[in-house]
Amino acid sequence: MKAVLNTLAAGELKRRGLAASEERLAHGPVHVIRRNKPAVVVLTEEDFVELLHDAERSWIAASLADVREGRVRRGTIAELLSELR
């Protein structure tokens, strides 16, 4: 089943300001529609911070997997630059 987007027309946002998106934020992220296409997503600060933390955890997990799989080499900047030349 496809999720229903919580949308707001760009024109309504322009007319009503931030209040227009704040009403909809209670129901999740707000997708602002411009020229019949999703253009911007408005998040609460809490959702934004959670998104950043999720991304950070994902990057850390990927980095640890690289180390476990031997895709990381240790060395100095000078050694790296020498290899790149």
PDB file of N, CA and C in Angstrom:
ATOM      1  N   MET A   1       0.840  -1.170   0.000  1.00  0.00           N
ATOM      2  CA  MET A   1       0.000   0.000   0.000  1.00  0.00           C
ATOM      3  C   MET A   1       0.894   1.246   0.000  1.00  0.00           C
ATOM      4  N   LYS A   2       0.616   2.172  -0.864  1.00  0.00           N
ATOM      5  CA  LYS A   2       1.424   3.377  -0.995  1.00  0.00           C
ATOM      6  C   LYS A   2       1.053   4.387   0.105  1.00  0.00           C
ATOM      7  N   ALA A   3       2.096   4.975   0.721  1.00  0.00           N
ATOM      8  CA  ALA A   3       1.868   5.964   1.775  1.00  0.00           C
ATOM      9  C   ALA A   3       1.324   7.257   1.175  1.00  0.00           C
ATOM     10  N   VAL A   4       0.435   7.898   1.898  1.00  0.00           N
ATOM     11  CA  VAL A   4      -0.125   9.174   1.469  1.00  0.00           C
ATOM     12  C   VAL A   4       0.780  10.287   1.982  1.00  0.00           C
ATOM     13  N   LEU A   5       1.215  11.159   1.075  1.00  0.00           N
ATOM     14  CA  LEU A   5       2.080  12.267   1.466  1.00  0.00           C
ATOM     15  C   LEU A   5       1.279  13.355   2.155  1.00  0.00           C
ATOM     16  N   ASN A   6       1.890  13.963   3.117  1.00  0.00           N
ATOM     17  CA  ASN A   6       1.346  15.118   3.814  1.00  0.00           C
ATOM     18  C   ASN A   6       1.810  16.333   3.017  1.00  0.00           C
ATOM     19  N   THR A   7       0.929  16.906   2.190  1.00  0.00           N
ATOM     20  CA  THR A   7       1.360  17.919   1.236  1.00  0.00           C
ATOM     21  C   THR A   7       0.810  19.305   1.543  1.00  0.00           C
ATOM     22  N   LEU A   8       1.481  20.282   0.963  1.00  0.00           N
ATOM     23  CA  LEU A   8       1.098  21.682   1.083  1.00  0.00           C
ATOM     24  C   LEU A   8       1.503  22.376  -0.215  1.00  0.00           C
ATOM     25  N   ALA A   9       0.585  23.087  -0.816  1.00  0.00           N
ATOM     26  CA  ALA A   9       0.901  23.818  -2.043  1.00  0.00           C
ATOM     27  C   ALA A   9       1.807  25.000  -1.713  1.00  0.00           C
ATOM     28  N   ALA A  10       2.774  25.244  -2.561  1.00  0.00           N
ATOM     29  CA  ALA A  10       3.705  26.351  -2.345  1.00  0.00           C
ATOM     30  C   ALA A  10       2.965  27.678  -2.244  1.00  0.00           C
ATOM     31  N   GLY A  11       1.911  27.851  -3.032  1.00  0.00           N
ATOM     32  CA  GLY A  11       1.134  29.086  -2.981  1.00  0.00           C
ATOM     33  C   GLY A  11       0.479  29.303  -1.623  1.00  0.00           C
ATOM     34  N   GLU A  12      -0.009  28.224  -1.019  1.00  0.00           N
ATOM     35  CA  GLU A  12      -0.606  28.337   0.309  1.00  0.00           C
ATOM     36  C   GLU A  12       0.449  28.704   1.347  1.00  0.00           C
ATOM     37  N   LEU A  13       1.623  28.107   1.228  1.00  0.00           N
ATOM     38  CA  LEU A  13       2.716  28.449   2.134  1.00  0.00           C
ATOM     39  C   LEU A  13       3.089  29.921   1.995  1.00  0.00           C
ATOM     40  N   LYS A  14       3.108  30.397   0.763  1.00  0.00           N
ATOM     41  CA  LYS A  14       3.436  31.804   0.517  1.00  0.00           C
ATOM     42  C   LYS A  14       2.369  32.724   1.129  1.00  0.00           C
ATOM     43  N   ARG A  15       1.109  32.362   0.969  1.00  0.00           N
ATOM     44  CA  ARG A  15       0.009  33.191   1.502  1.00  0.00           C
ATOM     45  C   ARG A  15      -0.064  33.172   3.022  1.00  0.00           C
ATOM     46  N   ARG A  16       0.054  31.960   3.604  1.00  0.00           N
ATOM     47  CA  ARG A  16      -0.196  31.807   5.036  1.00  0.00           C
ATOM     48  C   ARG A  16       1.068  31.766   5.878  1.00  0.00           C
ATOM     49  N   GLY A  17       2.200  31.599   5.249  1.00  0.00           N
ATOM     50  CA  GLY A  17       3.448  31.555   5.996  1.00  0.00           C
ATOM     51  C   GLY A  17       3.646  30.243   6.731  1.00  0.00           C
ATOM     52  N   LEU A  18       4.493  30.300   7.723  1.00  0.00           N
ATOM     53  CA  LEU A  18       4.882  29.113   8.471  1.00  0.00           C
ATOM     54  C   LEU A  18       3.700  28.419   9.146  1.00  0.00           C
ATOM     55  N   ALA A  19       2.676  29.161   9.506  1.00  0.00           N
ATOM     56  CA  ALA A  19       1.506  28.573  10.165  1.00  0.00           C
ATOM     57  C   ALA A  19       0.888  27.470   9.318  1.00  0.00           C
ATOM     58  N   ALA A  20       0.932  27.621   8.003  1.00  0.00           N
ATOM     59  CA  ALA A  20       0.353  26.610   7.113  1.00  0.00           C
ATOM     60  C   ALA A  20       1.064  25.272   7.258  1.00  0.00           C
ATOM     61  N   SER A  21       2.385  25.286   7.392  1.00  0.00           N
ATOM     62  CA  SER A  21       3.119  24.023   7.538  1.00  0.00           C
ATOM     63  C   SER A  21       3.044  23.497   8.966  1.00  0.00           C
ATOM     64  N   GLU A  22       3.010  24.382   9.948  1.00  0.00           N
ATOM     65  CA  GLU A  22       2.959  23.941  11.349  1.00  0.00           C
ATOM     66  C   GLU A  22       1.725  23.099  11.624  1.00  0.00           C
ATOM     67  N   GLU A  23       0.595  23.452  11.028  1.00  0.00           N
ATOM     68  CA  GLU A  23      -0.630  22.675  11.225  1.00  0.00           C
ATOM     69  C   GLU A  23      -0.451  21.251  10.712  1.00  0.00           C
ATOM     70  N   ARG A  24       0.229  21.106   9.608  1.00  0.00           N
ATOM     71  CA  ARG A  24       0.401  19.784   8.990  1.00  0.00           C
ATOM     72  C   ARG A  24       1.530  18.973   9.626  1.00  0.00           C
ATOM     73  N   LEU A  25       2.482  19.634  10.262  1.00  0.00           N
ATOM     74  CA  LEU A  25       3.614  18.925  10.868  1.00  0.00           C
ATOM     75  C   LEU A  25       3.184  17.945  11.951  1.00  0.00           C
ATOM     76  N   ALA A  26       2.031  18.165  12.535  1.00  0.00           N
ATOM     77  CA  ALA A  26       1.515  17.246  13.550  1.00  0.00           C
ATOM     78  C   ALA A  26       1.283  15.857  12.950  1.00  0.00           C
ATOM     79  N   HIS A  27       1.168  15.782  11.624  1.00  0.00           N
ATOM     80  CA  HIS A  27       0.899  14.518  10.929  1.00  0.00           C
ATOM     81  C   HIS A  27       2.126  13.989  10.206  1.00  0.00           C
ATOM     82  N   GLY A  28       3.296  14.555  10.476  1.00  0.00           N
ATOM     83  CA  GLY A  28       4.530  14.089   9.863  1.00  0.00           C
ATOM     84  C   GLY A  28       5.141  15.123   8.947  1.00  0.00           C
ATOM     85  N   PRO A  29       6.211  14.736   8.244  1.00  0.00           N
ATOM     86  CA  PRO A  29       6.890  15.668   7.344  1.00  0.00           C
ATOM     87  C   PRO A  29       5.917  16.241   6.305  1.00  0.00           C
ATOM     88  N   VAL A  30       6.132  17.509   5.955  1.00  0.00           N
ATOM     89  CA  VAL A  30       5.254  18.197   5.009  1.00  0.00           C
ATOM     90  C   VAL A  30       5.998  18.347   3.679  1.00  0.00           C
ATOM     91  N   HIS A  31       5.412  17.831   2.629  1.00  0.00           N
ATOM     92  CA  HIS A  31       5.980  17.922   1.282  1.00  0.00           C
ATOM     93  C   HIS A  31       5.363  19.131   0.591  1.00  0.00           C
ATOM     94  N   VAL A  32       6.178  20.138   0.315  1.00  0.00           N
ATOM     95  CA  VAL A  32       5.694  21.343  -0.349  1.00  0.00           C
ATOM     96  C   VAL A  32       5.703  21.083  -1.852  1.00  0.00           C
ATOM     97  N   ILE A  33       4.558  21.314  -2.485  1.00  0.00           N
ATOM     98  CA  ILE A  33       4.381  21.040  -3.907  1.00  0.00           C
ATOM     99  C   ILE A  33       4.451  22.346  -4.691  1.00  0.00           C
ATOM    100  N   ARG A  34       5.353  22.378  -5.679  1.00  0.00           N
ATOM    101  CA  ARG A  34       5.483  23.543  -6.555  1.00  0.00           C
ATOM    102  C   ARG A  34       5.413  23.041  -7.999  1.00  0.00           C
ATOM    103  N   ARG A  35       4.557  23.650  -8.794  1.00  0.00           N
ATOM    104  CA  ARG A  35       4.360  23.250 -10.202  1.00  0.00           C
ATOM    105  C   ARG A  35       4.030  21.754 -10.311  1.00  0.00           C
ATOM    106  N   ASN A  36       3.164  21.295  -9.403  1.00  0.00           N
ATOM    107  CA  ASN A  36       2.679  19.909  -9.382  1.00  0.00           C
ATOM    108  C   ASN A  36       3.765  18.869  -9.121  1.00  0.00           C
ATOM    109  N   LYS A  37       4.890  19.293  -8.518  1.00  0.00           N
ATOM    110  CA  LYS A  37       5.963  18.359  -8.172  1.00  0.00           C
ATOM    111  C   LYS A  37       6.433  18.630  -6.748  1.00  0.00           C
ATOM    112  N   PRO A  38       6.781  17.560  -5.998  1.00  0.00           N
ATOM    113  CA  PRO A  38       7.369  17.787  -4.672  1.00  0.00           C
ATOM    114  C   PRO A  38       8.651  18.593  -4.814  1.00  0.00           C
ATOM    115  N   ALA A  39       8.764  19.676  -4.045  1.00  0.00           N
ATOM    116  CA  ALA A  39       9.923  20.562  -4.167  1.00  0.00           C
ATOM    117  C   ALA A  39      10.746  20.625  -2.879  1.00  0.00           C
ATOM    118  N   VAL A  40      10.075  20.606  -1.750  1.00  0.00           N
ATOM    119  CA  VAL A  40      10.745  20.800  -0.464  1.00  0.00           C
ATOM    120  C   VAL A  40      10.024  19.948   0.579  1.00  0.00           C
ATOM    121  N   VAL A  41      10.781  19.451   1.562  1.00  0.00           N
ATOM    122  CA  VAL A  41      10.182  18.739   2.684  1.00  0.00           C
ATOM    123  C   VAL A  41      10.491  19.526   3.959  1.00  0.00           C
ATOM    124  N   VAL A  42       9.449  19.800   4.730  1.00  0.00           N
ATOM    125  CA  VAL A  42       9.588  20.524   5.998  1.00  0.00           C
ATOM    126  C   VAL A  42       9.486  19.495   7.123  1.00  0.00           C
ATOM    127  N   LEU A  43      10.467  19.525   8.025  1.00  0.00           N
ATOM    128  CA  LEU A  43      10.507  18.603   9.166  1.00  0.00           C
ATOM    129  C   LEU A  43      10.487  19.385  10.466  1.00  0.00           C
ATOM    130  N   THR A  44      10.051  18.730  11.532  1.00  0.00           N
ATOM    131  CA  THR A  44      10.224  19.323  12.853  1.00  0.00           C
ATOM    132  C   THR A  44      11.703  19.237  13.205  1.00  0.00           C
ATOM    133  N   GLU A  45      12.134  20.044  14.143  1.00  0.00           N
ATOM    134  CA  GLU A  45      13.537  19.984  14.588  1.00  0.00           C
ATOM    135  C   GLU A  45      13.858  18.591  15.115  1.00  0.00           C
ATOM    136  N   GLU A  46      12.932  17.999  15.847  1.00  0.00           N
ATOM    137  CA  GLU A  46      13.139  16.660  16.406  1.00  0.00           C
ATOM    138  C   GLU A  46      13.339  15.629  15.289  1.00  0.00           C
ATOM    139  N   ASP A  47      12.502  15.678  14.257  1.00  0.00           N
ATOM    140  CA  ASP A  47      12.644  14.748  13.134  1.00  0.00           C
ATOM    141  C   ASP A  47      13.961  14.974  12.386  1.00  0.00           C
ATOM    142  N   PHE A  48      14.361  16.230  12.234  1.00  0.00           N
ATOM    143  CA  PHE A  48      15.604  16.556  11.546  1.00  0.00           C
ATOM    144  C   PHE A  48      16.803  16.002  12.303  1.00  0.00           C
ATOM    145  N   VAL A  49      16.834  16.196  13.619  1.00  0.00           N
ATOM    146  CA  VAL A  49      17.937  15.689  14.442  1.00  0.00           C
ATOM    147  C   VAL A  49      17.970  14.157  14.376  1.00  0.00           C
ATOM    148  N   GLU A  50      16.810  13.518  14.427  1.00  0.00           N
ATOM    149  CA  GLU A  50      16.747  12.060  14.327  1.00  0.00           C
ATOM    150  C   GLU A  50      17.288  11.586  12.977  1.00  0.00           C
ATOM    151  N   LEU A  51      16.942  12.295  11.914  1.00  0.00           N
ATOM    152  CA  LEU A  51      17.440  11.967  10.579  1.00  0.00           C
ATOM    153  C   LEU A  51      18.964  12.064  10.525  1.00  0.00           C
ATOM    154  N   LEU A  52      19.515  13.127  11.103  1.00  0.00           N
ATOM    155  CA  LEU A  52      20.968  13.288  11.146  1.00  0.00           C
ATOM    156  C   LEU A  52      21.638  12.170  11.937  1.00  0.00           C
ATOM    157  N   HIS A  53      21.051  11.817  13.077  1.00  0.00           N
ATOM    158  CA  HIS A  53      21.625  10.750  13.900  1.00  0.00           C
ATOM    159  C   HIS A  53      21.561   9.408  13.171  1.00  0.00           C
ATOM    160  N   ASP A  54      20.453   9.140  12.471  1.00  0.00           N
ATOM    161  CA  ASP A  54      20.338   7.898  11.703  1.00  0.00           C
ATOM    162  C   ASP A  54      21.408   7.837  10.614  1.00  0.00           C
ATOM    163  N   ALA A  55      21.625   8.961   9.930  1.00  0.00           N
ATOM    164  CA  ALA A  55      22.645   9.009   8.879  1.00  0.00           C
ATOM    165  C   ALA A  55      24.034   8.787   9.473  1.00  0.00           C
ATOM    166  N   GLU A  56      24.282   9.409  10.616  1.00  0.00           N
ATOM    167  CA  GLU A  56      25.584   9.263  11.269  1.00  0.00           C
ATOM    168  C   GLU A  56      25.828   7.808  11.660  1.00  0.00           C
ATOM    169  N   ARG A  57      24.812   7.152  12.226  1.00  0.00           N
ATOM    170  CA  ARG A  57      24.955   5.743  12.608  1.00  0.00           C
ATOM    171  C   ARG A  57      25.206   4.872  11.371  1.00  0.00           C
ATOM    172  N   SER A  58      24.545   5.209  10.280  1.00  0.00           N
ATOM    173  CA  SER A  58      24.731   4.458   9.041  1.00  0.00           C
ATOM    174  C   SER A  58      26.157   4.617   8.519  1.00  0.00           C
ATOM    175  N   TRP A  59      26.675   5.846   8.551  1.00  0.00           N
ATOM    176  CA  TRP A  59      28.054   6.088   8.098  1.00  0.00           C
ATOM    177  C   TRP A  59      29.052   5.334   8.963  1.00  0.00           C
ATOM    178  N   ILE A  60      28.813   5.343  10.265  1.00  0.00           N
ATOM    179  CA  ILE A  60      29.716   4.640  11.180  1.00  0.00           C
ATOM    180  C   ILE A  60      29.674   3.144  10.897  1.00  0.00           C
ATOM    181  N   ALA A  61      28.481   2.598  10.713  1.00  0.00           N
ATOM    182  CA  ALA A  61      28.350   1.161  10.428  1.00  0.00           C
ATOM    183  C   ALA A  61      29.070   0.808   9.125  1.00  0.00           C
ATOM    184  N   ALA A  62      28.927   1.653   8.105  1.00  0.00           N
ATOM    185  CA  ALA A  62      29.598   1.397   6.823  1.00  0.00           C
ATOM    186  C   ALA A  62      31.110   1.468   6.992  1.00  0.00           C
ATOM    187  N   SER A  63      31.583   2.413   7.776  1.00  0.00           N
ATOM    188  CA  SER A  63      33.031   2.539   8.006  1.00  0.00           C
ATOM    189  C   SER A  63      33.576   1.335   8.755  1.00  0.00           C
ATOM    190  N   LEU A  64      32.848   0.872   9.754  1.00  0.00           N
ATOM    191  CA  LEU A  64      33.292  -0.312  10.500  1.00  0.00           C
ATOM    192  C   LEU A  64      33.304  -1.542   9.603  1.00  0.00           C
ATOM    193  N   ALA A  65      32.336  -1.656   8.705  1.00  0.00           N
ATOM    194  CA  ALA A  65      32.320  -2.781   7.763  1.00  0.00           C
ATOM    195  C   ALA A  65      33.534  -2.705   6.839  1.00  0.00           C
ATOM    196  N   ASP A  66      33.899  -1.495   6.404  1.00  0.00           N
ATOM    197  CA  ASP A  66      35.094  -1.330   5.564  1.00  0.00           C
ATOM    198  C   ASP A  66      36.343  -1.809   6.292  1.00  0.00           C
ATOM    199  N   VAL A  67      36.451  -1.476   7.567  1.00  0.00           N
ATOM    200  CA  VAL A  67      37.611  -1.910   8.362  1.00  0.00           C
ATOM    201  C   VAL A  67      37.610  -3.436   8.478  1.00  0.00           C
ATOM    202  N   ARG A  68      36.465  -4.039   8.813  1.00  0.00           N
ATOM    203  CA  ARG A  68      36.378  -5.498   8.951  1.00  0.00           C
ATOM    204  C   ARG A  68      36.725  -6.218   7.651  1.00  0.00           C
ATOM    205  N   GLU A  69      36.310  -5.656   6.536  1.00  0.00           N
ATOM    206  CA  GLU A  69      36.528  -6.300   5.234  1.00  0.00           C
ATOM    207  C   GLU A  69      37.902  -5.991   4.640  1.00  0.00           C
ATOM    208  N   GLY A  70      38.715  -5.231   5.358  1.00  0.00           N
ATOM    209  CA  GLY A  70      40.065  -4.949   4.895  1.00  0.00           C
ATOM    210  C   GLY A  70      40.145  -3.907   3.797  1.00  0.00           C
ATOM    211  N   ARG A  71      39.122  -3.065   3.695  1.00  0.00           N
ATOM    212  CA  ARG A  71      39.127  -2.031   2.664  1.00  0.00           C
ATOM    213  C   ARG A  71      39.733  -0.726   3.167  1.00  0.00           C
ATOM    214  N   VAL A  72      40.380  -0.780   4.321  1.00  0.00           N
ATOM    215  CA  VAL A  72      41.002   0.404   4.909  1.00  0.00           C
ATOM    216  C   VAL A  72      42.471   0.119   5.119  1.00  0.00           C
ATOM    217  N   ARG A  73      43.297   1.071   4.710  1.00  0.00           N
ATOM    218  CA  ARG A  73      44.739   0.953   4.955  1.00  0.00           C
ATOM    219  C   ARG A  73      45.162   2.113   5.829  1.00  0.00           C
ATOM    220  N   ARG A  74      46.077   1.849   6.696  1.00  0.00           N
ATOM    221  CA  ARG A  74      46.586   2.897   7.563  1.00  0.00           C
ATOM    222  C   ARG A  74      47.898   3.426   6.999  1.00  0.00           C
ATOM    223  N   GLY A  75      48.119   4.736   7.165  1.00  0.00           N
ATOM    224  CA  GLY A  75      49.348   5.335   6.692  1.00  0.00           C
ATOM    225  C   GLY A  75      49.320   6.829   6.943  1.00  0.00           C
ATOM    226  N   THR A  76      50.334   7.485   6.466  1.00  0.00           N
ATOM    227  CA  THR A  76      50.440   8.929   6.658  1.00  0.00           C
ATOM    228  C   THR A  76      49.903   9.660   5.425  1.00  0.00           C
ATOM    229  N   ILE A  77      49.698  10.943   5.577  1.00  0.00           N
ATOM    230  CA  ILE A  77      49.268  11.771   4.451  1.00  0.00           C
ATOM    231  C   ILE A  77      50.337  11.753   3.363  1.00  0.00           C
ATOM    232  N   ALA A  78      51.586  11.820   3.763  1.00  0.00           N
ATOM    233  CA  ALA A  78      52.689  11.807   2.795  1.00  0.00           C
ATOM    234  C   ALA A  78      52.672  10.515   1.976  1.00  0.00           C
ATOM    235  N   GLU A  79      52.405   9.379   2.627  1.00  0.00           N
ATOM    236  CA  GLU A  79      52.335   8.112   1.903  1.00  0.00           C
ATOM    237  C   GLU A  79      51.173   8.096   0.913  1.00  0.00           C
ATOM    238  N   LEU A  80      50.054   8.613   1.323  1.00  0.00           N
ATOM    239  CA  LEU A  80      48.887   8.681   0.440  1.00  0.00           C
ATOM    240  C   LEU A  80      49.175   9.554  -0.772  1.00  0.00           C
ATOM    241  N   LEU A  81      49.749  10.734  -0.533  1.00  0.00           N
ATOM    242  CA  LEU A  81      50.070  11.636  -1.640  1.00  0.00           C
ATOM    243  C   LEU A  81      51.071  10.991  -2.581  1.00  0.00           C
ATOM    244  N   SER A  82      52.018  10.259  -2.040  1.00  0.00           N
ATOM    245  CA  SER A  82      53.018   9.581  -2.867  1.00  0.00           C
ATOM    246  C   SER A  82      52.348   8.544  -3.768  1.00  0.00           C
ATOM    247  N   GLU A  83      51.379   7.817  -3.240  1.00  0.00           N
ATOM    248  CA  GLU A  83      50.660   6.804  -4.024  1.00  0.00           C
ATOM    249  C   GLU A  83      49.810   7.450  -5.116  1.00  0.00           C
ATOM    250  N   LEU A  84      49.289   8.613  -4.853  1.00  0.00           N
ATOM    251  CA  LEU A  84      48.408   9.285  -5.812  1.00  0.00           C
ATOM    252  C   LEU A  84      49.175   9.883  -6.983  1.00  0.00           C
ATOM    253  N   ARG A  85      50.455  10.127  -6.826  1.00  0.00           N
ATOM    254  CA  ARG A  85      51.262  10.739  -7.896  1.00  0.00           C
ATOM    255  C   ARG A  85      51.661   9.761  -8.940  1.00  0.00           C
TER     256      ARG A  85
END
